[in-house]
Amino acid sequence: MNEPQKDTQRALAAAKLIFDGRDPAKDSSAILVTLEGLVSLVLLAVMGRDEQKAAAMLNEGLVPGVESRLALHTSRR
């Protein structure tokens, strides 16, 4: 298995933990709160607990990356 495939498997495993059996339609608010906590935790961890760097990574790296993935998903429909 190559690295992109491993990343996909990691993302699926993380999503399962975040959803934790909750219904995405009914429990979307609670699921998103969990996701916010996870994103904050990971950004702080990889940025050495520096809040400013974590915020910059969110705005300059993570948000554009998520938008790009969403656009790719849309283009494949």
PDB file of N, CA and C in Angstrom:
ATOM      1  N   MET A   1       0.847  -1.175   0.000  1.00  0.00           N
ATOM      2  CA  MET A   1       0.000   0.000   0.000  1.00  0.00           C
ATOM      3  C   MET A   1       0.897   1.244   0.000  1.00  0.00           C
ATOM      4  N   ASN A   2       0.601   2.174  -0.932  1.00  0.00           N
ATOM      5  CA  ASN A   2       1.415   3.388  -1.012  1.00  0.00           C
ATOM      6  C   ASN A   2       0.945   4.429   0.011  1.00  0.00           C
ATOM      7  N   GLU A   3       1.697   5.503   0.114  1.00  0.00           N
ATOM      8  CA  GLU A   3       1.416   6.503   1.158  1.00  0.00           C
ATOM      9  C   GLU A   3       0.049   7.182   0.983  1.00  0.00           C
ATOM     10  N   PRO A   4      -0.359   7.585  -0.236  1.00  0.00           N
ATOM     11  CA  PRO A   4      -1.707   8.158  -0.382  1.00  0.00           C
ATOM     12  C   PRO A   4      -2.816   7.185   0.044  1.00  0.00           C
ATOM     13  N   GLN A   5      -2.639   5.914  -0.244  1.00  0.00           N
ATOM     14  CA  GLN A   5      -3.622   4.921   0.193  1.00  0.00           C
ATOM     15  C   GLN A   5      -3.641   4.804   1.714  1.00  0.00           C
ATOM     16  N   LYS A   6      -2.466   4.851   2.319  1.00  0.00           N
ATOM     17  CA  LYS A   6      -2.387   4.816   3.780  1.00  0.00           C
ATOM     18  C   LYS A   6      -3.064   6.052   4.380  1.00  0.00           C
ATOM     19  N   ASP A   7      -2.853   7.221   3.753  1.00  0.00           N
ATOM     20  CA  ASP A   7      -3.496   8.445   4.232  1.00  0.00           C
ATOM     21  C   ASP A   7      -5.021   8.322   4.166  1.00  0.00           C
ATOM     22  N   THR A   8      -5.521   7.741   3.092  1.00  0.00           N
ATOM     23  CA  THR A   8      -6.965   7.535   2.960  1.00  0.00           C
ATOM     24  C   THR A   8      -7.477   6.613   4.054  1.00  0.00           C
ATOM     25  N   GLN A   9      -6.745   5.554   4.330  1.00  0.00           N
ATOM     26  CA  GLN A   9      -7.143   4.630   5.390  1.00  0.00           C
ATOM     27  C   GLN A   9      -7.122   5.308   6.757  1.00  0.00           C
ATOM     28  N   ARG A  10      -6.109   6.139   7.002  1.00  0.00           N
ATOM     29  CA  ARG A  10      -6.038   6.883   8.265  1.00  0.00           C
ATOM     30  C   ARG A  10      -7.230   7.834   8.392  1.00  0.00           C
ATOM     31  N   ALA A  11      -7.552   8.533   7.301  1.00  0.00           N
ATOM     32  CA  ALA A  11      -8.673   9.470   7.326  1.00  0.00           C
ATOM     33  C   ALA A  11      -9.984   8.736   7.599  1.00  0.00           C
ATOM     34  N   LEU A  12     -10.191   7.593   6.972  1.00  0.00           N
ATOM     35  CA  LEU A  12     -11.409   6.815   7.203  1.00  0.00           C
ATOM     36  C   LEU A  12     -11.487   6.335   8.653  1.00  0.00           C
ATOM     37  N   ALA A  13     -10.373   5.883   9.190  1.00  0.00           N
ATOM     38  CA  ALA A  13     -10.353   5.426  10.582  1.00  0.00           C
ATOM     39  C   ALA A  13     -10.658   6.586  11.535  1.00  0.00           C
ATOM     40  N   ALA A  14     -10.084   7.759  11.253  1.00  0.00           N
ATOM     41  CA  ALA A  14     -10.346   8.929  12.095  1.00  0.00           C
ATOM     42  C   ALA A  14     -11.814   9.346  12.002  1.00  0.00           C
ATOM     43  N   ALA A  15     -12.371   9.312  10.800  1.00  0.00           N
ATOM     44  CA  ALA A  15     -13.777   9.682  10.627  1.00  0.00           C
ATOM     45  C   ALA A  15     -14.684   8.743  11.411  1.00  0.00           C
ATOM     46  N   LYS A  16     -14.380   7.472  11.391  1.00  0.00           N
ATOM     47  CA  LYS A  16     -15.189   6.511  12.158  1.00  0.00           C
ATOM     48  C   LYS A  16     -15.156   6.844  13.639  1.00  0.00           C
ATOM     49  N   LEU A  17     -13.992   7.220  14.138  1.00  0.00           N
ATOM     50  CA  LEU A  17     -13.879   7.583  15.554  1.00  0.00           C
ATOM     51  C   LEU A  17     -14.628   8.887  15.852  1.00  0.00           C
ATOM     52  N   ILE A  18     -14.550   9.830  14.942  1.00  0.00           N
ATOM     53  CA  ILE A  18     -15.231  11.111  15.142  1.00  0.00           C
ATOM     54  C   ILE A  18     -16.743  10.920  15.116  1.00  0.00           C
ATOM     55  N   PHE A  19     -17.237  10.126  14.169  1.00  0.00           N
ATOM     56  CA  PHE A  19     -18.677   9.871  14.089  1.00  0.00           C
ATOM     57  C   PHE A  19     -19.154   9.043  15.269  1.00  0.00           C
ATOM     58  N   ASP A  20     -18.370   8.062  15.680  1.00  0.00           N
ATOM     59  CA  ASP A  20     -18.639   7.247  16.862  1.00  0.00           C
ATOM     60  C   ASP A  20     -20.086   6.745  16.917  1.00  0.00           C
ATOM     61  N   GLY A  21     -20.585   6.283  15.772  1.00  0.00           N
ATOM     62  CA  GLY A  21     -21.931   5.726  15.722  1.00  0.00           C
ATOM     63  C   GLY A  21     -23.044   6.750  15.645  1.00  0.00           C
ATOM     64  N   ARG A  22     -22.678   8.047  15.641  1.00  0.00           N
ATOM     65  CA  ARG A  22     -23.699   9.093  15.571  1.00  0.00           C
ATOM     66  C   ARG A  22     -24.193   9.244  14.134  1.00  0.00           C
ATOM     67  N   ASP A  23     -25.416   9.698  13.997  1.00  0.00           N
ATOM     68  CA  ASP A  23     -26.040   9.920  12.696  1.00  0.00           C
ATOM     69  C   ASP A  23     -25.571  11.264  12.140  1.00  0.00           C
ATOM     70  N   PRO A  24     -24.914  11.280  10.972  1.00  0.00           N
ATOM     71  CA  PRO A  24     -24.392  12.534  10.428  1.00  0.00           C
ATOM     72  C   PRO A  24     -25.472  13.603  10.218  1.00  0.00           C
ATOM     73  N   ALA A  25     -26.671  13.211   9.845  1.00  0.00           N
ATOM     74  CA  ALA A  25     -27.740  14.188   9.612  1.00  0.00           C
ATOM     75  C   ALA A  25     -28.306  14.702  10.929  1.00  0.00           C
ATOM     76  N   LYS A  26     -28.555  13.809  11.847  1.00  0.00           N
ATOM     77  CA  LYS A  26     -29.190  14.171  13.115  1.00  0.00           C
ATOM     78  C   LYS A  26     -28.207  14.792  14.109  1.00  0.00           C
ATOM     79  N   ASP A  27     -26.986  14.316  14.108  1.00  0.00           N
ATOM     80  CA  ASP A  27     -25.994  14.724  15.106  1.00  0.00           C
ATOM     81  C   ASP A  27     -24.861  15.559  14.509  1.00  0.00           C
ATOM     82  N   SER A  28     -25.154  16.278  13.422  1.00  0.00           N
ATOM     83  CA  SER A  28     -24.083  17.009  12.728  1.00  0.00           C
ATOM     84  C   SER A  28     -23.383  18.028  13.629  1.00  0.00           C
ATOM     85  N   SER A  29     -24.130  18.725  14.473  1.00  0.00           N
ATOM     86  CA  SER A  29     -23.508  19.731  15.355  1.00  0.00           C
ATOM     87  C   SER A  29     -22.501  19.094  16.298  1.00  0.00           C
ATOM     88  N   ALA A  30     -22.879  17.998  16.919  1.00  0.00           N
ATOM     89  CA  ALA A  30     -21.980  17.315  17.855  1.00  0.00           C
ATOM     90  C   ALA A  30     -20.761  16.750  17.125  1.00  0.00           C
ATOM     91  N   ILE A  31     -20.971  16.216  15.942  1.00  0.00           N
ATOM     92  CA  ILE A  31     -19.858  15.668  15.158  1.00  0.00           C
ATOM     93  C   ILE A  31     -18.890  16.789  14.790  1.00  0.00           C
ATOM     94  N   LEU A  32     -19.416  17.943  14.385  1.00  0.00           N
ATOM     95  CA  LEU A  32     -18.548  19.056  14.013  1.00  0.00           C
ATOM     96  C   LEU A  32     -17.796  19.629  15.212  1.00  0.00           C
ATOM     97  N   VAL A  33     -18.395  19.614  16.383  1.00  0.00           N
ATOM     98  CA  VAL A  33     -17.688  20.045  17.592  1.00  0.00           C
ATOM     99  C   VAL A  33     -16.500  19.114  17.851  1.00  0.00           C
ATOM    100  N   THR A  34     -16.715  17.822  17.685  1.00  0.00           N
ATOM    101  CA  THR A  34     -15.621  16.857  17.855  1.00  0.00           C
ATOM    102  C   THR A  34     -14.527  17.113  16.828  1.00  0.00           C
ATOM    103  N   LEU A  35     -14.926  17.367  15.578  1.00  0.00           N
ATOM    104  CA  LEU A  35     -13.954  17.643  14.515  1.00  0.00           C
ATOM    105  C   LEU A  35     -13.156  18.912  14.817  1.00  0.00           C
ATOM    106  N   GLU A  36     -13.827  19.956  15.304  1.00  0.00           N
ATOM    107  CA  GLU A  36     -13.124  21.195  15.676  1.00  0.00           C
ATOM    108  C   GLU A  36     -12.063  20.926  16.736  1.00  0.00           C
ATOM    109  N   GLY A  37     -12.426  20.137  17.717  1.00  0.00           N
ATOM    110  CA  GLY A  37     -11.465  19.797  18.764  1.00  0.00           C
ATOM    111  C   GLY A  37     -10.277  19.042  18.215  1.00  0.00           C
ATOM    112  N   LEU A  38     -10.538  18.101  17.330  1.00  0.00           N
ATOM    113  CA  LEU A  38      -9.459  17.323  16.730  1.00  0.00           C
ATOM    114  C   LEU A  38      -8.539  18.196  15.897  1.00  0.00           C
ATOM    115  N   VAL A  39      -9.120  19.045  15.049  1.00  0.00           N
ATOM    116  CA  VAL A  39      -8.311  19.914  14.196  1.00  0.00           C
ATOM    117  C   VAL A  39      -7.451  20.836  15.056  1.00  0.00           C
ATOM    118  N   SER A  40      -8.041  21.409  16.080  1.00  0.00           N
ATOM    119  CA  SER A  40      -7.275  22.290  16.976  1.00  0.00           C
ATOM    120  C   SER A  40      -6.125  21.542  17.640  1.00  0.00           C
ATOM    121  N   LEU A  41      -6.414  20.361  18.135  1.00  0.00           N
ATOM    122  CA  LEU A  41      -5.399  19.544  18.802  1.00  0.00           C
ATOM    123  C   LEU A  41      -4.251  19.205  17.860  1.00  0.00           C
ATOM    124  N   VAL A  42      -4.564  18.773  16.662  1.00  0.00           N
ATOM    125  CA  VAL A  42      -3.529  18.382  15.699  1.00  0.00           C
ATOM    126  C   VAL A  42      -2.711  19.599  15.270  1.00  0.00           C
ATOM    127  N   LEU A  43      -3.382  20.712  14.970  1.00  0.00           N
ATOM    128  CA  LEU A  43      -2.638  21.908  14.568  1.00  0.00           C
ATOM    129  C   LEU A  43      -1.691  22.373  15.666  1.00  0.00           C
ATOM    130  N   LEU A  44      -2.164  22.395  16.903  1.00  0.00           N
ATOM    131  CA  LEU A  44      -1.286  22.793  18.002  1.00  0.00           C
ATOM    132  C   LEU A  44      -0.125  21.815  18.176  1.00  0.00           C
ATOM    133  N   ALA A  45      -0.393  20.533  18.011  1.00  0.00           N
ATOM    134  CA  ALA A  45       0.671  19.531  18.171  1.00  0.00           C
ATOM    135  C   ALA A  45       1.753  19.685  17.106  1.00  0.00           C
ATOM    136  N   VAL A  46       1.341  19.840  15.848  1.00  0.00           N
ATOM    137  CA  VAL A  46       2.357  19.923  14.786  1.00  0.00           C
ATOM    138  C   VAL A  46       3.039  21.286  14.736  1.00  0.00           C
ATOM    139  N   MET A  47       2.433  22.281  15.353  1.00  0.00           N
ATOM    140  CA  MET A  47       3.028  23.615  15.381  1.00  0.00           C
ATOM    141  C   MET A  47       3.676  23.925  16.730  1.00  0.00           C
ATOM    142  N   GLY A  48       4.000  22.894  17.474  1.00  0.00           N
ATOM    143  CA  GLY A  48       4.733  23.069  18.724  1.00  0.00           C
ATOM    144  C   GLY A  48       3.995  23.889  19.761  1.00  0.00           C
ATOM    145  N   ARG A  49       2.669  23.758  19.799  1.00  0.00           N
ATOM    146  CA  ARG A  49       1.801  24.453  20.757  1.00  0.00           C
ATOM    147  C   ARG A  49       1.791  25.974  20.570  1.00  0.00           C
ATOM    148  N   ASP A  50       2.228  26.427  19.407  1.00  0.00           N
ATOM    149  CA  ASP A  50       2.230  27.855  19.092  1.00  0.00           C
ATOM    150  C   ASP A  50       0.896  28.192  18.427  1.00  0.00           C
ATOM    151  N   GLU A  51       0.048  28.930  19.152  1.00  0.00           N
ATOM    152  CA  GLU A  51      -1.302  29.231  18.666  1.00  0.00           C
ATOM    153  C   GLU A  51      -1.291  30.049  17.385  1.00  0.00           C
ATOM    154  N   GLN A  52      -0.362  30.997  17.269  1.00  0.00           N
ATOM    155  CA  GLN A  52      -0.297  31.829  16.066  1.00  0.00           C
ATOM    156  C   GLN A  52       0.087  30.998  14.846  1.00  0.00           C
ATOM    157  N   LYS A  53       1.071  30.121  15.007  1.00  0.00           N
ATOM    158  CA  LYS A  53       1.460  29.251  13.889  1.00  0.00           C
ATOM    159  C   LYS A  53       0.337  28.283  13.535  1.00  0.00           C
ATOM    160  N   ALA A  54      -0.356  27.784  14.556  1.00  0.00           N
ATOM    161  CA  ALA A  54      -1.475  26.867  14.311  1.00  0.00           C
ATOM    162  C   ALA A  54      -2.574  27.569  13.525  1.00  0.00           C
ATOM    163  N   ALA A  55      -2.894  28.808  13.901  1.00  0.00           N
ATOM    164  CA  ALA A  55      -3.917  29.573  13.186  1.00  0.00           C
ATOM    165  C   ALA A  55      -3.474  29.854  11.750  1.00  0.00           C
ATOM    166  N   ALA A  56      -2.209  30.180  11.572  1.00  0.00           N
ATOM    167  CA  ALA A  56      -1.691  30.429  10.224  1.00  0.00           C
ATOM    168  C   ALA A  56      -1.774  29.166   9.370  1.00  0.00           C
ATOM    169  N   MET A  57      -1.423  28.031   9.956  1.00  0.00           N
ATOM    170  CA  MET A  57      -1.496  26.771   9.212  1.00  0.00           C
ATOM    171  C   MET A  57      -2.942  26.459   8.833  1.00  0.00           C
ATOM    172  N   LEU A  58      -3.863  26.745   9.729  1.00  0.00           N
ATOM    173  CA  LEU A  58      -5.282  26.538   9.429  1.00  0.00           C
ATOM    174  C   LEU A  58      -5.691  27.381   8.221  1.00  0.00           C
ATOM    175  N   ASN A  59      -5.373  28.667   8.274  1.00  0.00           N
ATOM    176  CA  ASN A  59      -5.820  29.599   7.238  1.00  0.00           C
ATOM    177  C   ASN A  59      -5.060  29.471   5.922  1.00  0.00           C
ATOM    178  N   GLU A  60      -3.774  29.201   6.001  1.00  0.00           N
ATOM    179  CA  GLU A  60      -2.945  29.184   4.798  1.00  0.00           C
ATOM    180  C   GLU A  60      -2.744  27.799   4.207  1.00  0.00           C
ATOM    181  N   GLY A  61      -2.951  26.765   5.007  1.00  0.00           N
ATOM    182  CA  GLY A  61      -2.702  25.417   4.515  1.00  0.00           C
ATOM    183  C   GLY A  61      -3.927  24.528   4.533  1.00  0.00           C
ATOM    184  N   LEU A  62      -4.547  24.428   5.691  1.00  0.00           N
ATOM    185  CA  LEU A  62      -5.639  23.470   5.853  1.00  0.00           C
ATOM    186  C   LEU A  62      -6.895  23.883   5.095  1.00  0.00           C
ATOM    187  N   VAL A  63      -7.330  25.122   5.250  1.00  0.00           N
ATOM    188  CA  VAL A  63      -8.567  25.558   4.585  1.00  0.00           C
ATOM    189  C   VAL A  63      -8.442  25.458   3.060  1.00  0.00           C
ATOM    190  N   PRO A  64      -7.373  25.976   2.450  1.00  0.00           N
ATOM    191  CA  PRO A  64      -7.254  25.818   1.002  1.00  0.00           C
ATOM    192  C   PRO A  64      -7.188  24.343   0.571  1.00  0.00           C
ATOM    193  N   GLY A  65      -6.546  23.520   1.380  1.00  0.00           N
ATOM    194  CA  GLY A  65      -6.476  22.096   1.055  1.00  0.00           C
ATOM    195  C   GLY A  65      -7.830  21.425   1.097  1.00  0.00           C
ATOM    196  N   VAL A  66      -8.636  21.755   2.102  1.00  0.00           N
ATOM    197  CA  VAL A  66      -9.986  21.194   2.207  1.00  0.00           C
ATOM    198  C   VAL A  66     -10.831  21.683   1.040  1.00  0.00           C
ATOM    199  N   GLU A  67     -10.743  22.971   0.732  1.00  0.00           N
ATOM    200  CA  GLU A  67     -11.505  23.512  -0.397  1.00  0.00           C
ATOM    201  C   GLU A  67     -11.125  22.822  -1.695  1.00  0.00           C
ATOM    202  N   SER A  68      -9.849  22.554  -1.867  1.00  0.00           N
ATOM    203  CA  SER A  68      -9.374  21.863  -3.069  1.00  0.00           C
ATOM    204  C   SER A  68      -9.930  20.443  -3.153  1.00  0.00           C
ATOM    205  N   ARG A  69      -9.931  19.751  -2.033  1.00  0.00           N
ATOM    206  CA  ARG A  69     -10.479  18.385  -2.022  1.00  0.00           C
ATOM    207  C   ARG A  69     -11.981  18.382  -2.304  1.00  0.00           C
ATOM    208  N   LEU A  70     -12.701  19.366  -1.772  1.00  0.00           N
ATOM    209  CA  LEU A  70     -14.133  19.465  -2.042  1.00  0.00           C
ATOM    210  C   LEU A  70     -14.391  19.748  -3.518  1.00  0.00           C
ATOM    211  N   ALA A  71     -13.580  20.632  -4.105  1.00  0.00           N
ATOM    212  CA  ALA A  71     -13.718  20.930  -5.532  1.00  0.00           C
ATOM    213  C   ALA A  71     -13.420  19.697  -6.379  1.00  0.00           C
ATOM    214  N   LEU A  72     -12.408  18.936  -5.980  1.00  0.00           N
ATOM    215  CA  LEU A  72     -12.092  17.701  -6.700  1.00  0.00           C
ATOM    216  C   LEU A  72     -13.250  16.723  -6.622  1.00  0.00           C
ATOM    217  N   HIS A  73     -13.834  16.599  -5.442  1.00  0.00           N
ATOM    218  CA  HIS A  73     -14.984  15.702  -5.260  1.00  0.00           C
ATOM    219  C   HIS A  73     -16.137  16.137  -6.172  1.00  0.00           C
ATOM    220  N   THR A  74     -16.391  17.442  -6.228  1.00  0.00           N
ATOM    221  CA  THR A  74     -17.447  17.973  -7.082  1.00  0.00           C
ATOM    222  C   THR A  74     -17.174  17.686  -8.549  1.00  0.00           C
ATOM    223  N   SER A  75     -15.931  17.831  -8.958  1.00  0.00           N
ATOM    224  CA  SER A  75     -15.589  17.619 -10.370  1.00  0.00           C
ATOM    225  C   SER A  75     -15.706  16.161 -10.788  1.00  0.00           C
ATOM    226  N   ARG A  76     -15.664  15.262  -9.843  1.00  0.00           N
ATOM    227  CA  ARG A  76     -15.763  13.818 -10.149  1.00  0.00           C
ATOM    228  C   ARG A  76     -17.185  13.328 -10.209  1.00  0.00           C
ATOM    229  N   ARG A  77     -18.143  14.177  -9.890  1.00  0.00           N
ATOM    230  CA  ARG A  77     -19.554  13.769  -9.885  1.00  0.00           C
ATOM    231  C   ARG A  77     -20.116  13.706 -11.247  1.00  0.00           C
TER     232      ARG A  77
END
